[in-house]
Structures are given as structure tokens and as C-alpha cells.
PDB file of N, CA and C in Angstrom:
ATOM      1  N   UNK A   1     -36.329  10.588  -2.489  1.00  0.00           N
ATOM      2  CA  UNK A   1     -35.749  10.821  -1.182  1.00  0.00           C
ATOM      3  C   UNK A   1     -34.760   9.717  -0.800  1.00  0.00           C
ATOM      4  N   UNK A   2     -35.032   8.484  -1.172  1.00  0.00           N
ATOM      5  CA  UNK A   2     -34.164   7.381  -0.805  1.00  0.00           C
ATOM      6  C   UNK A   2     -32.910   7.301  -1.677  1.00  0.00           C
ATOM      7  N   UNK A   3     -33.024   7.709  -2.923  1.00  0.00           N
ATOM      8  CA  UNK A   3     -31.963   7.482  -3.900  1.00  0.00           C
ATOM      9  C   UNK A   3     -30.577   7.990  -3.486  1.00  0.00           C
ATOM     10  N   UNK A   4     -30.416   9.208  -2.975  1.00  0.00           N
ATOM     11  CA  UNK A   4     -29.055   9.690  -2.689  1.00  0.00           C
ATOM     12  C   UNK A   4     -28.303   8.900  -1.630  1.00  0.00           C
ATOM     13  N   UNK A   5     -28.975   8.418  -0.588  1.00  0.00           N
ATOM     14  CA  UNK A   5     -28.221   7.840   0.531  1.00  0.00           C
ATOM     15  C   UNK A   5     -28.591   6.410   0.901  1.00  0.00           C
ATOM     16  N   UNK A   6     -29.727   5.904   0.472  1.00  0.00           N
ATOM     17  CA  UNK A   6     -30.152   4.553   0.862  1.00  0.00           C
ATOM     18  C   UNK A   6     -29.398   3.501   0.060  1.00  0.00           C
ATOM     19  N   UNK A   7     -29.269   2.305   0.654  1.00  0.00           N
ATOM     20  CA  UNK A   7     -28.595   1.232  -0.081  1.00  0.00           C
ATOM     21  C   UNK A   7     -29.541   0.620  -1.108  1.00  0.00           C
ATOM     22  N   UNK A   8     -28.984  -0.228  -1.954  1.00  0.00           N
ATOM     23  CA  UNK A   8     -29.732  -0.803  -3.070  1.00  0.00           C
ATOM     24  C   UNK A   8     -30.962  -1.577  -2.607  1.00  0.00           C
ATOM     25  N   UNK A   9     -30.808  -2.397  -1.555  1.00  0.00           N
ATOM     26  CA  UNK A   9     -31.921  -3.222  -1.075  1.00  0.00           C
ATOM     27  C   UNK A   9     -33.101  -2.363  -0.599  1.00  0.00           C
ATOM     28  N   UNK A  10     -32.798  -1.266   0.070  1.00  0.00           N
ATOM     29  CA  UNK A  10     -33.848  -0.373   0.574  1.00  0.00           C
ATOM     30  C   UNK A  10     -34.611   0.269  -0.577  1.00  0.00           C
ATOM     31  N   UNK A  11     -33.868   0.723  -1.586  1.00  0.00           N
ATOM     32  CA  UNK A  11     -34.505   1.352  -2.748  1.00  0.00           C
ATOM     33  C   UNK A  11     -35.376   0.337  -3.483  1.00  0.00           C
ATOM     34  N   UNK A  12     -34.864  -0.874  -3.683  1.00  0.00           N
ATOM     35  CA  UNK A  12     -35.664  -1.908  -4.368  1.00  0.00           C
ATOM     36  C   UNK A  12     -36.894  -2.303  -3.559  1.00  0.00           C
ATOM     37  N   UNK A  13     -36.787  -2.319  -2.229  1.00  0.00           N
ATOM     38  CA  UNK A  13     -37.948  -2.650  -1.386  1.00  0.00           C
ATOM     39  C   UNK A  13     -39.011  -1.563  -1.473  1.00  0.00           C
ATOM     40  N   UNK A  14     -38.600  -0.317  -1.655  1.00  0.00           N
ATOM     41  CA  UNK A  14     -39.564   0.787  -1.754  1.00  0.00           C
ATOM     42  C   UNK A  14     -40.296   0.778  -3.095  1.00  0.00           C
ATOM     43  N   UNK A  15     -39.686   0.188  -4.121  1.00  0.00           N
ATOM     44  CA  UNK A  15     -40.291   0.127  -5.448  1.00  0.00           C
ATOM     45  C   UNK A  15     -40.276  -1.321  -5.953  1.00  0.00           C
ATOM     46  N   UNK A  16     -41.083  -2.188  -5.360  1.00  0.00           N
ATOM     47  CA  UNK A  16     -41.028  -3.618  -5.713  1.00  0.00           C
ATOM     48  C   UNK A  16     -41.414  -3.897  -7.162  1.00  0.00           C
ATOM     49  N   UNK A  17     -42.159  -3.031  -7.789  1.00  0.00           N
ATOM     50  CA  UNK A  17     -42.592  -3.254  -9.169  1.00  0.00           C
ATOM     51  C   UNK A  17     -41.560  -2.773 -10.198  1.00  0.00           C
ATOM     52  N   UNK A  18     -40.474  -2.177  -9.748  1.00  0.00           N
ATOM     53  CA  UNK A  18     -39.457  -1.636 -10.653  1.00  0.00           C
ATOM     54  C   UNK A  18     -38.149  -2.425 -10.536  1.00  0.00           C
ATOM     55  N   UNK A  19     -37.430  -2.496 -11.637  1.00  0.00           N
ATOM     56  CA  UNK A  19     -36.105  -3.120 -11.613  1.00  0.00           C
ATOM     57  C   UNK A  19     -35.073  -2.061 -11.210  1.00  0.00           C
ATOM     58  N   UNK A  20     -33.890  -2.550 -10.828  1.00  0.00           N
ATOM     59  CA  UNK A  20     -32.812  -1.631 -10.437  1.00  0.00           C
ATOM     60  C   UNK A  20     -32.413  -0.745 -11.617  1.00  0.00           C
ATOM     61  N   UNK A  21     -32.382  -1.314 -12.804  1.00  0.00           N
ATOM     62  CA  UNK A  21     -32.027  -0.545 -14.000  1.00  0.00           C
ATOM     63  C   UNK A  21     -33.062   0.551 -14.272  1.00  0.00           C
ATOM     64  N   UNK A  22     -34.334   0.227 -14.110  1.00  0.00           N
ATOM     65  CA  UNK A  22     -35.389   1.224 -14.337  1.00  0.00           C
ATOM     66  C   UNK A  22     -35.281   2.367 -13.327  1.00  0.00           C
ATOM     67  N   UNK A  23     -34.977   2.043 -12.091  1.00  0.00           N
ATOM     68  CA  UNK A  23     -34.827   3.071 -11.052  1.00  0.00           C
ATOM     69  C   UNK A  23     -33.622   3.956 -11.362  1.00  0.00           C
ATOM     70  N   UNK A  24     -32.515   3.335 -11.772  1.00  0.00           N
ATOM     71  CA  UNK A  24     -31.314   4.121 -12.109  1.00  0.00           C
ATOM     72  C   UNK A  24     -31.571   5.057 -13.288  1.00  0.00           C
ATOM     73  N   UNK A  25     -32.272   4.561 -14.317  1.00  0.00           N
ATOM     74  CA  UNK A  25     -32.560   5.389 -15.494  1.00  0.00           C
ATOM     75  C   UNK A  25     -33.472   6.559 -15.146  1.00  0.00           C
ATOM     76  N   UNK A  26     -34.459   6.304 -14.302  1.00  0.00           N
ATOM     77  CA  UNK A  26     -35.374   7.390 -13.904  1.00  0.00           C
ATOM     78  C   UNK A  26     -34.638   8.440 -13.088  1.00  0.00           C
ATOM     79  N   UNK A  27     -33.778   8.007 -12.173  1.00  0.00           N
ATOM     80  CA  UNK A  27     -32.999   8.950 -11.361  1.00  0.00           C
ATOM     81  C   UNK A  27     -32.087   9.795 -12.254  1.00  0.00           C
ATOM     82  N   UNK A  28     -31.473   9.173 -13.245  1.00  0.00           N
ATOM     83  CA  UNK A  28     -30.604   9.916 -14.167  1.00  0.00           C
ATOM     84  C   UNK A  28     -31.415  10.918 -14.980  1.00  0.00           C
ATOM     85  N   UNK A  29     -32.586  10.512 -15.425  1.00  0.00           N
ATOM     86  CA  UNK A  29     -33.440  11.405 -16.224  1.00  0.00           C
ATOM     87  C   UNK A  29     -33.877  12.634 -15.445  1.00  0.00           C
ATOM     88  N   UNK A  30     -34.179  12.470 -14.156  1.00  0.00           N
ATOM     89  CA  UNK A  30     -34.634  13.624 -13.372  1.00  0.00           C
ATOM     90  C   UNK A  30     -33.482  14.353 -12.683  1.00  0.00           C
ATOM     91  N   UNK A  31     -32.264  13.832 -12.859  1.00  0.00           N
ATOM     92  CA  UNK A  31     -31.078  14.531 -12.351  1.00  0.00           C
ATOM     93  C   UNK A  31     -30.778  14.334 -10.874  1.00  0.00           C
ATOM     94  N   UNK A  32     -31.164  13.188 -10.325  1.00  0.00           N
ATOM     95  CA  UNK A  32     -30.869  12.898  -8.924  1.00  0.00           C
ATOM     96  C   UNK A  32     -29.641  11.982  -8.877  1.00  0.00           C
ATOM     97  N   UNK A  33     -28.648  12.377  -8.112  1.00  0.00           N
ATOM     98  CA  UNK A  33     -27.409  11.597  -8.008  1.00  0.00           C
ATOM     99  C   UNK A  33     -27.314  10.888  -6.668  1.00  0.00           C
ATOM    100  N   UNK A  34     -26.578   9.774  -6.663  1.00  0.00           N
ATOM    101  CA  UNK A  34     -26.309   9.057  -5.425  1.00  0.00           C
ATOM    102  C   UNK A  34     -25.052   9.620  -4.787  1.00  0.00           C
ATOM    103  N   UNK A  35     -24.975   9.516  -3.457  1.00  0.00           N
ATOM    104  CA  UNK A  35     -23.771   9.935  -2.745  1.00  0.00           C
ATOM    105  C   UNK A  35     -22.654   8.954  -3.063  1.00  0.00           C
ATOM    106  N   UNK A  36     -21.467   9.467  -3.282  1.00  0.00           N
ATOM    107  CA  UNK A  36     -20.321   8.604  -3.553  1.00  0.00           C
ATOM    108  C   UNK A  36     -19.658   8.228  -2.241  1.00  0.00           C
ATOM    109  N   UNK A  37     -19.236   6.988  -2.152  1.00  0.00           N
ATOM    110  CA  UNK A  37     -18.538   6.508  -0.966  1.00  0.00           C
ATOM    111  C   UNK A  37     -17.195   5.948  -1.415  1.00  0.00           C
ATOM    112  N   UNK A  38     -16.188   6.797  -1.529  1.00  0.00           N
ATOM    113  CA  UNK A  38     -14.908   6.345  -2.077  1.00  0.00           C
ATOM    114  C   UNK A  38     -14.136   5.397  -1.172  1.00  0.00           C
ATOM    115  N   UNK A  39     -14.507   5.258   0.085  1.00  0.00           N
ATOM    116  CA  UNK A  39     -13.743   4.424   1.005  1.00  0.00           C
ATOM    117  C   UNK A  39     -14.317   3.026   1.142  1.00  0.00           C
ATOM    118  N   UNK A  40     -15.268   2.664   0.306  1.00  0.00           N
ATOM    119  CA  UNK A  40     -15.899   1.355   0.413  1.00  0.00           C
ATOM    120  C   UNK A  40     -15.028   0.268  -0.211  1.00  0.00           C
ATOM    121  N   UNK A  41     -15.097  -0.903   0.328  1.00  0.00           N
ATOM    122  CA  UNK A  41     -14.516  -2.110  -0.237  1.00  0.00           C
ATOM    123  C   UNK A  41     -13.041  -1.997  -0.569  1.00  0.00           C
ATOM    124  N   UNK A  42     -12.255  -1.470   0.350  1.00  0.00           N
ATOM    125  CA  UNK A  42     -10.815  -1.459   0.183  1.00  0.00           C
ATOM    126  C   UNK A  42     -10.279  -0.378  -0.736  1.00  0.00           C
ATOM    127  N   UNK A  43     -11.114   0.535  -1.171  1.00  0.00           N
ATOM    128  CA  UNK A  43     -10.621   1.618  -2.020  1.00  0.00           C
ATOM    129  C   UNK A  43      -9.664   2.488  -1.213  1.00  0.00           C
ATOM    130  N   UNK A  44      -8.805   3.188  -1.907  1.00  0.00           N
ATOM    131  CA  UNK A  44      -7.799   4.018  -1.243  1.00  0.00           C
ATOM    132  C   UNK A  44      -8.473   5.065  -0.365  1.00  0.00           C
ATOM    133  N   UNK A  45      -7.870   5.325   0.784  1.00  0.00           N
ATOM    134  CA  UNK A  45      -8.397   6.371   1.654  1.00  0.00           C
ATOM    135  C   UNK A  45      -7.356   7.471   1.771  1.00  0.00           C
ATOM    136  N   UNK A  46      -7.818   8.656   2.030  1.00  0.00           N
ATOM    137  CA  UNK A  46      -6.924   9.799   2.106  1.00  0.00           C
ATOM    138  C   UNK A  46      -6.035   9.707   3.340  1.00  0.00           C
ATOM    139  N   UNK A  47      -4.838  10.279   3.234  1.00  0.00           N
ATOM    140  CA  UNK A  47      -3.890  10.314   4.343  1.00  0.00           C
ATOM    141  C   UNK A  47      -4.250  11.492   5.244  1.00  0.00           C
ATOM    142  N   UNK A  48      -4.362  11.253   6.538  1.00  0.00           N
ATOM    143  CA  UNK A  48      -4.588  12.332   7.493  1.00  0.00           C
ATOM    144  C   UNK A  48      -3.247  12.995   7.814  1.00  0.00           C
ATOM    145  N   UNK A  49      -3.312  14.176   8.386  1.00  0.00           N
ATOM    146  CA  UNK A  49      -2.080  14.876   8.770  1.00  0.00           C
ATOM    147  C   UNK A  49      -1.312  14.081   9.829  1.00  0.00           C
ATOM    148  N   UNK A  50      -2.048  13.434  10.728  1.00  0.00           N
ATOM    149  CA  UNK A  50      -1.404  12.612  11.757  1.00  0.00           C
ATOM    150  C   UNK A  50      -0.641  11.454  11.112  1.00  0.00           C
ATOM    151  N   UNK A  51      -1.260  10.787  10.121  1.00  0.00           N
ATOM    152  CA  UNK A  51      -0.589   9.683   9.430  1.00  0.00           C
ATOM    153  C   UNK A  51       0.649  10.168   8.683  1.00  0.00           C
ATOM    154  N   UNK A  52       0.550  11.326   8.054  1.00  0.00           N
ATOM    155  CA  UNK A  52       1.702  11.879   7.333  1.00  0.00           C
ATOM    156  C   UNK A  52       2.849  12.190   8.281  1.00  0.00           C
ATOM    157  N   UNK A  53       2.532  12.793   9.419  1.00  0.00           N
ATOM    158  CA  UNK A  53       3.597  13.131  10.375  1.00  0.00           C
ATOM    159  C   UNK A  53       4.209  11.859  10.979  1.00  0.00           C
ATOM    160  N   UNK A  54       3.377  10.847  11.209  1.00  0.00           N
ATOM    161  CA  UNK A  54       3.882   9.567  11.733  1.00  0.00           C
ATOM    162  C   UNK A  54       4.764   8.884  10.684  1.00  0.00           C
ATOM    163  N   UNK A  55       4.344   8.938   9.424  1.00  0.00           N
ATOM    164  CA  UNK A  55       5.158   8.377   8.344  1.00  0.00           C
ATOM    165  C   UNK A  55       6.504   9.088   8.276  1.00  0.00           C
ATOM    166  N   UNK A  56       6.491  10.386   8.370  1.00  0.00           N
ATOM    167  CA  UNK A  56       7.740  11.153   8.310  1.00  0.00           C
ATOM    168  C   UNK A  56       8.671  10.751   9.455  1.00  0.00           C
ATOM    169  N   UNK A  57       8.127  10.652  10.653  1.00  0.00           N
ATOM    170  CA  UNK A  57       8.928  10.301  11.821  1.00  0.00           C
ATOM    171  C   UNK A  57       9.547   8.904  11.670  1.00  0.00           C
ATOM    172  N   UNK A  58       8.737   7.949  11.259  1.00  0.00           N
ATOM    173  CA  UNK A  58       9.214   6.575  11.136  1.00  0.00           C
ATOM    174  C   UNK A  58      10.165   6.398   9.950  1.00  0.00           C
ATOM    175  N   UNK A  59       9.809   6.976   8.811  1.00  0.00           N
ATOM    176  CA  UNK A  59      10.603   6.806   7.597  1.00  0.00           C
ATOM    177  C   UNK A  59      11.973   7.455   7.743  1.00  0.00           C
ATOM    178  N   UNK A  60      11.988   8.675   8.249  1.00  0.00           N
ATOM    179  CA  UNK A  60      13.262   9.372   8.431  1.00  0.00           C
ATOM    180  C   UNK A  60      14.026   8.848   9.637  1.00  0.00           C
ATOM    181  N   UNK A  61      13.350   8.114  10.515  1.00  0.00           N
ATOM    182  CA  UNK A  61      14.009   7.502  11.663  1.00  0.00           C
ATOM    183  C   UNK A  61      14.673   6.178  11.328  1.00  0.00           C
ATOM    184  N   UNK A  62      14.497   5.694  10.111  1.00  0.00           N
ATOM    185  CA  UNK A  62      15.166   4.476   9.690  1.00  0.00           C
ATOM    186  C   UNK A  62      14.406   3.197   9.959  1.00  0.00           C
ATOM    187  N   UNK A  63      13.129   3.286  10.304  1.00  0.00           N
ATOM    188  CA  UNK A  63      12.324   2.088  10.542  1.00  0.00           C
ATOM    189  C   UNK A  63      12.086   1.395   9.199  1.00  0.00           C
ATOM    190  N   UNK A  64      12.134   0.072   9.202  1.00  0.00           N
ATOM    191  CA  UNK A  64      11.956  -0.693   7.970  1.00  0.00           C
ATOM    192  C   UNK A  64      10.536  -0.526   7.423  1.00  0.00           C
ATOM    193  N   UNK A  65      10.410  -0.585   6.093  1.00  0.00           N
ATOM    194  CA  UNK A  65       9.128  -0.371   5.414  1.00  0.00           C
ATOM    195  C   UNK A  65       8.044  -1.349   5.892  1.00  0.00           C
ATOM    196  N   UNK A  66       8.316  -2.653   6.043  1.00  0.00           N
ATOM    197  CA  UNK A  66       7.250  -3.554   6.525  1.00  0.00           C
ATOM    198  C   UNK A  66       6.734  -3.179   7.915  1.00  0.00           C
ATOM    199  N   UNK A  67       7.613  -2.672   8.770  1.00  0.00           N
ATOM    200  CA  UNK A  67       7.178  -2.261  10.111  1.00  0.00           C
ATOM    201  C   UNK A  67       6.306  -1.009  10.035  1.00  0.00           C
ATOM    202  N   UNK A  68       6.685  -0.059   9.180  1.00  0.00           N
ATOM    203  CA  UNK A  68       5.872   1.156   8.999  1.00  0.00           C
ATOM    204  C   UNK A  68       4.508   0.761   8.455  1.00  0.00           C
ATOM    205  N   UNK A  69       4.501  -0.147   7.495  1.00  0.00           N
ATOM    206  CA  UNK A  69       3.258  -0.619   6.890  1.00  0.00           C
ATOM    207  C   UNK A  69       2.324  -1.213   7.944  1.00  0.00           C
ATOM    208  N   UNK A  70       2.880  -2.018   8.829  1.00  0.00           N
ATOM    209  CA  UNK A  70       2.064  -2.647   9.880  1.00  0.00           C
ATOM    210  C   UNK A  70       1.531  -1.616  10.868  1.00  0.00           C
ATOM    211  N   UNK A  71       2.361  -0.628  11.216  1.00  0.00           N
ATOM    212  CA  UNK A  71       1.934   0.381  12.186  1.00  0.00           C
ATOM    213  C   UNK A  71       0.851   1.295  11.630  1.00  0.00           C
ATOM    214  N   UNK A  72       0.971   1.662  10.354  1.00  0.00           N
ATOM    215  CA  UNK A  72       0.000   2.594   9.774  1.00  0.00           C
ATOM    216  C   UNK A  72      -1.182   1.891   9.119  1.00  0.00           C
ATOM    217  N   UNK A  73      -1.109   0.570   8.985  1.00  0.00           N
ATOM    218  CA  UNK A  73      -2.212  -0.171   8.387  1.00  0.00           C
ATOM    219  C   UNK A  73      -2.362   0.094   6.902  1.00  0.00           C
ATOM    220  N   UNK A  74      -1.252   0.283   6.202  1.00  0.00           N
ATOM    221  CA  UNK A  74      -1.261   0.535   4.762  1.00  0.00           C
ATOM    222  C   UNK A  74      -0.261  -0.388   4.090  1.00  0.00           C
ATOM    223  N   UNK A  75      -0.378  -0.530   2.799  1.00  0.00           N
ATOM    224  CA  UNK A  75       0.524  -1.384   2.050  1.00  0.00           C
ATOM    225  C   UNK A  75       1.910  -0.774   1.921  1.00  0.00           C
ATOM    226  N   UNK A  76       2.892  -1.630   1.644  1.00  0.00           N
ATOM    227  CA  UNK A  76       4.268  -1.161   1.502  1.00  0.00           C
ATOM    228  C   UNK A  76       4.412  -0.230   0.305  1.00  0.00           C
ATOM    229  N   UNK A  77       3.691  -0.505  -0.770  1.00  0.00           N
ATOM    230  CA  UNK A  77       3.739   0.363  -1.943  1.00  0.00           C
ATOM    231  C   UNK A  77       3.168   1.738  -1.615  1.00  0.00           C
ATOM    232  N   UNK A  78       2.107   1.776  -0.823  1.00  0.00           N
ATOM    233  CA  UNK A  78       1.517   3.053  -0.419  1.00  0.00           C
ATOM    234  C   UNK A  78       2.492   3.853   0.438  1.00  0.00           C
ATOM    235  N   UNK A  79       3.222   3.161   1.305  1.00  0.00           N
ATOM    236  CA  UNK A  79       4.211   3.820   2.171  1.00  0.00           C
ATOM    237  C   UNK A  79       5.300   4.449   1.313  1.00  0.00           C
ATOM    238  N   UNK A  80       5.850   3.666   0.389  1.00  0.00           N
ATOM    239  CA  UNK A  80       6.928   4.178  -0.451  1.00  0.00           C
ATOM    240  C   UNK A  80       6.440   5.289  -1.381  1.00  0.00           C
ATOM    241  N   UNK A  81       5.233   5.154  -1.891  1.00  0.00           N
ATOM    242  CA  UNK A  81       4.674   6.179  -2.766  1.00  0.00           C
ATOM    243  C   UNK A  81       4.457   7.498  -2.042  1.00  0.00           C
ATOM    244  N   UNK A  82       3.881   7.431  -0.847  1.00  0.00           N
ATOM    245  CA  UNK A  82       3.624   8.667  -0.092  1.00  0.00           C
ATOM    246  C   UNK A  82       4.922   9.295   0.362  1.00  0.00           C
ATOM    247  N   UNK A  83       5.906   8.478   0.734  1.00  0.00           N
ATOM    248  CA  UNK A  83       7.221   9.010   1.119  1.00  0.00           C
ATOM    249  C   UNK A  83       7.861   9.736  -0.055  1.00  0.00           C
ATOM    250  N   UNK A  84       7.679   9.206  -1.247  1.00  0.00           N
ATOM    251  CA  UNK A  84       8.217   9.855  -2.441  1.00  0.00           C
ATOM    252  C   UNK A  84       7.509  11.174  -2.718  1.00  0.00           C
ATOM    253  N   UNK A  85       6.191  11.184  -2.596  1.00  0.00           N
ATOM    254  CA  UNK A  85       5.416  12.410  -2.820  1.00  0.00           C
ATOM    255  C   UNK A  85       5.799  13.488  -1.812  1.00  0.00           C
ATOM    256  N   UNK A  86       5.989  13.073  -0.545  1.00  0.00           N
ATOM    257  CA  UNK A  86       6.364  14.026   0.505  1.00  0.00           C
ATOM    258  C   UNK A  86       7.855  14.364   0.483  1.00  0.00           C
ATOM    259  N   UNK A  87       8.614  13.711  -0.440  1.00  0.00           N
ATOM    260  CA  UNK A  87      10.058  13.925  -0.581  1.00  0.00           C
ATOM    261  C   UNK A  87      10.802  13.665   0.728  1.00  0.00           C
ATOM    262  N   UNK A  88      10.443  12.541   1.359  1.00  0.00           N
ATOM    263  CA  UNK A  88      11.108  12.156   2.595  1.00  0.00           C
ATOM    264  C   UNK A  88      12.416  11.454   2.256  1.00  0.00           C
ATOM    265  N   UNK A  89      13.399  11.618   3.116  1.00  0.00           N
ATOM    266  CA  UNK A  89      14.721  11.020   2.908  1.00  0.00           C
ATOM    267  C   UNK A  89      15.006   9.993   3.988  1.00  0.00           C
ATOM    268  N   UNK A  90      15.569   8.857   3.575  1.00  0.00           N
ATOM    269  CA  UNK A  90      15.999   7.828   4.523  1.00  0.00           C
ATOM    270  C   UNK A  90      17.377   8.209   5.034  1.00  0.00           C
ATOM    271  N   UNK A  91      17.735   7.817   6.253  1.00  0.00           N
ATOM    272  CA  UNK A  91      19.107   8.042   6.726  1.00  0.00           C
ATOM    273  C   UNK A  91      20.092   7.276   5.844  1.00  0.00           C
ATOM    274  N   UNK A  92      21.262   7.852   5.653  1.00  0.00           N
ATOM    275  CA  UNK A  92      22.256   7.261   4.761  1.00  0.00           C
ATOM    276  C   UNK A  92      22.626   5.834   5.171  1.00  0.00           C
ATOM    277  N   UNK A  93      22.786   5.602   6.483  1.00  0.00           N
ATOM    278  CA  UNK A  93      23.181   4.265   6.929  1.00  0.00           C
ATOM    279  C   UNK A  93      22.091   3.226   6.682  1.00  0.00           C
ATOM    280  N   UNK A  94      20.822   3.633   6.626  1.00  0.00           N
ATOM    281  CA  UNK A  94      19.739   2.697   6.328  1.00  0.00           C
ATOM    282  C   UNK A  94      19.646   2.490   4.827  1.00  0.00           C
ATOM    283  N   UNK A  95      19.796   3.579   4.086  1.00  0.00           N
ATOM    284  CA  UNK A  95      19.662   3.528   2.640  1.00  0.00           C
ATOM    285  C   UNK A  95      20.743   2.666   2.005  1.00  0.00           C
ATOM    286  N   UNK A  96      21.968   2.765   2.501  1.00  0.00           N
ATOM    287  CA  UNK A  96      23.091   2.047   1.917  1.00  0.00           C
ATOM    288  C   UNK A  96      23.604   0.947   2.840  1.00  0.00           C
ATOM    289  N   UNK A  97      22.739   0.384   3.620  1.00  0.00           N
ATOM    290  CA  UNK A  97      23.129  -0.662   4.564  1.00  0.00           C
ATOM    291  C   UNK A  97      23.560  -1.913   3.803  1.00  0.00           C
ATOM    292  N   UNK A  98      24.735  -2.414   4.161  1.00  0.00           N
ATOM    293  CA  UNK A  98      25.227  -3.649   3.558  1.00  0.00           C
ATOM    294  C   UNK A  98      24.891  -4.814   4.466  1.00  0.00           C
ATOM    295  N   UNK A  99      24.406  -5.839   3.874  1.00  0.00           N
ATOM    296  CA  UNK A  99      24.106  -7.033   4.641  1.00  0.00           C
ATOM    297  C   UNK A  99      25.358  -7.896   4.681  1.00  0.00           C
ATOM    298  N   UNK A 100      25.783  -8.240   5.867  1.00  0.00           N
ATOM    299  CA  UNK A 100      26.952  -9.095   6.044  1.00  0.00           C
ATOM    300  C   UNK A 100      26.526 -10.543   5.926  1.00  0.00           C
ATOM    301  N   UNK A 101      27.266 -11.339   5.153  1.00  0.00           N
ATOM    302  CA  UNK A 101      26.886 -12.753   5.020  1.00  0.00           C
ATOM    303  C   UNK A 101      27.102 -13.506   6.325  1.00  0.00           C
ATOM    304  N   UNK A 102      26.254 -14.436   6.558  1.00  0.00           N
ATOM    305  CA  UNK A 102      26.425 -15.313   7.714  1.00  0.00           C
ATOM    306  C   UNK A 102      26.692 -16.707   7.185  1.00  0.00           C
ATOM    307  N   UNK A 103      27.811 -17.288   7.624  1.00  0.00           N
ATOM    308  CA  UNK A 103      28.202 -18.597   7.140  1.00  0.00           C
ATOM    309  C   UNK A 103      27.837 -19.657   8.163  1.00  0.00           C
ATOM    310  N   UNK A 104      27.308 -20.736   7.653  1.00  0.00           N
ATOM    311  CA  UNK A 104      26.954 -21.821   8.556  1.00  0.00           C
ATOM    312  C   UNK A 104      28.148 -22.725   8.843  1.00  0.00           C
ATOM    313  N   UNK A 105      29.126 -22.751   7.916  1.00  0.00           N
ATOM    314  CA  UNK A 105      30.318 -23.580   8.097  1.00  0.00           C
ATOM    315  C   UNK A 105      31.543 -22.735   7.776  1.00  0.00           C
ATOM    316  N   UNK A 106      32.669 -23.035   8.399  1.00  0.00           N
ATOM    317  CA  UNK A 106      33.878 -22.295   8.048  1.00  0.00           C
ATOM    318  C   UNK A 106      34.297 -22.610   6.613  1.00  0.00           C
ATOM    319  N   UNK A 107      34.870 -21.608   5.945  1.00  0.00           N
ATOM    320  CA  UNK A 107      35.293 -21.770   4.553  1.00  0.00           C
ATOM    321  C   UNK A 107      36.801 -21.973   4.515  1.00  0.00           C
ATOM    322  N   UNK A 108      37.228 -22.990   3.807  1.00  0.00           N
ATOM    323  CA  UNK A 108      38.659 -23.241   3.641  1.00  0.00           C
ATOM    324  C   UNK A 108      39.227 -22.254   2.638  1.00  0.00           C
ATOM    325  N   UNK A 109      40.492 -21.953   2.791  1.00  0.00           N
ATOM    326  CA  UNK A 109      41.140 -21.073   1.814  1.00  0.00           C
ATOM    327  C   UNK A 109      41.301 -21.817   0.507  1.00  0.00           C
ATOM    328  N   UNK A 110      41.374 -21.071  -0.562  1.00  0.00           N
ATOM    329  CA  UNK A 110      41.438 -21.684  -1.882  1.00  0.00           C
ATOM    330  C   UNK A 110      42.864 -21.746  -2.427  1.00  0.00           C
ATOM    331  N   UNK A 111      43.876 -21.567  -1.580  1.00  0.00           N
ATOM    332  CA  UNK A 111      45.260 -21.574  -2.054  1.00  0.00           C
ATOM    333  C   UNK A 111      45.607 -22.874  -2.758  1.00  0.00           C
ATOM    334  N   UNK A 112      45.267 -23.988  -2.164  1.00  0.00           N
ATOM    335  CA  UNK A 112      45.599 -25.279  -2.735  1.00  0.00           C
ATOM    336  C   UNK A 112      44.904 -25.482  -4.084  1.00  0.00           C
ATOM    337  N   UNK A 113      43.630 -25.139  -4.178  1.00  0.00           N
ATOM    338  CA  UNK A 113      42.909 -25.339  -5.431  1.00  0.00           C
ATOM    339  C   UNK A 113      43.394 -24.375  -6.514  1.00  0.00           C
ATOM    340  N   UNK A 114      43.836 -23.169  -6.124  1.00  0.00           N
ATOM    341  CA  UNK A 114      44.391 -22.247  -7.121  1.00  0.00           C
ATOM    342  C   UNK A 114      45.650 -22.832  -7.742  1.00  0.00           C
ATOM    343  N   UNK A 115      46.491 -23.429  -6.932  1.00  0.00           N
ATOM    344  CA  UNK A 115      47.735 -24.027  -7.440  1.00  0.00           C
ATOM    345  C   UNK A 115      47.397 -25.163  -8.402  1.00  0.00           C
ATOM    346  N   UNK A 116      46.420 -25.983  -8.047  1.00  0.00           N
ATOM    347  CA  UNK A 116      46.032 -27.076  -8.910  1.00  0.00           C
ATOM    348  C   UNK A 116      45.494 -26.573 -10.244  1.00  0.00           C
ATOM    349  N   UNK A 117      44.663 -25.496 -10.180  1.00  0.00           N
ATOM    350  CA  UNK A 117      44.108 -24.935 -11.396  1.00  0.00           C
ATOM    351  C   UNK A 117      45.217 -24.360 -12.274  1.00  0.00           C
ATOM    352  N   UNK A 118      46.188 -23.684 -11.657  1.00  0.00           N
ATOM    353  CA  UNK A 118      47.282 -23.102 -12.426  1.00  0.00           C
ATOM    354  C   UNK A 118      48.137 -24.178 -13.064  1.00  0.00           C
ATOM    355  N   UNK A 119      48.249 -25.337 -12.450  1.00  0.00           N
ATOM    356  CA  UNK A 119      49.033 -26.432 -13.008  1.00  0.00           C
ATOM    357  C   UNK A 119      48.433 -26.992 -14.269  1.00  0.00           C
ATOM    358  N   UNK A 120      47.125 -26.846 -14.493  1.00  0.00           N
ATOM    359  CA  UNK A 120      46.471 -27.388 -15.693  1.00  0.00           C
ATOM    360  C   UNK A 120      46.600 -26.451 -16.874  1.00  0.00           C
ATOM    361  N   UNK A 121      47.061 -25.245 -16.660  1.00  0.00           N
ATOM    362  CA  UNK A 121      47.196 -24.302 -17.792  1.00  0.00           C
ATOM    363  C   UNK A 121      48.359 -24.661 -18.570  1.00  0.00           C
TER     364      UNK A 121
END
């Protein structure tokens, strides 16, 4: 009765004269299985319809991946993977956004140095 849903400590307390291995072997022999808990200890969890619709809204709205990750509580790789599976498209201006350089100091023109370089040829 305990084997399918009770934790390890409870099962061992109910059978103090048996080892965990002996209990597992007996359960396997009589065909009793434990309930699986796929969401334990950071294992992947399934995407809900609400999460998928929120991902679609944010991803297609041009929100940056780290921000989507923080809002949905998932990793950036998971965000990009699910977006790929759902065949979501980024807006063109976000996808091909060019970053403009920011200069801390003004840059002098290179006319003078070009002339000097040409003189050495």
C-alpha cells in the first residue's frame, strides 16, 4: 500500500528489518510500481496553454529573450526552443537590429596618417 505513493523514508520506517534494495526487488517481483514525479528536482515541466500564448505575445512583440525568460520563469534556451517548435516569428526590426557603436572619445580623421602611409610605399 505504501510503495506507489509514499516517500523512501516512510517505506523504510514501515519495514525496519528490510533494506531499500530488498524492498525494491520485492515490489518489482510482485509487479507493484511507484508513481512517477517528472517535475521533481528541476526536471522539465510541461508548457501550459497560458504560457504558450504568453510566449507568443512576448516573442512576436519583440521583447528580448532574457526578459521573456524572467517573466515566464524558464531558461533562455527553453524559450528559444519552444518558439522554434511553435514556429513563432520575431519582428524584422528586432531580428535584424543593428547595434550602433557608442564612442567615448571623438575619433580623428585618418587623412593625415593615410598620406604618411602612402609616402612609405
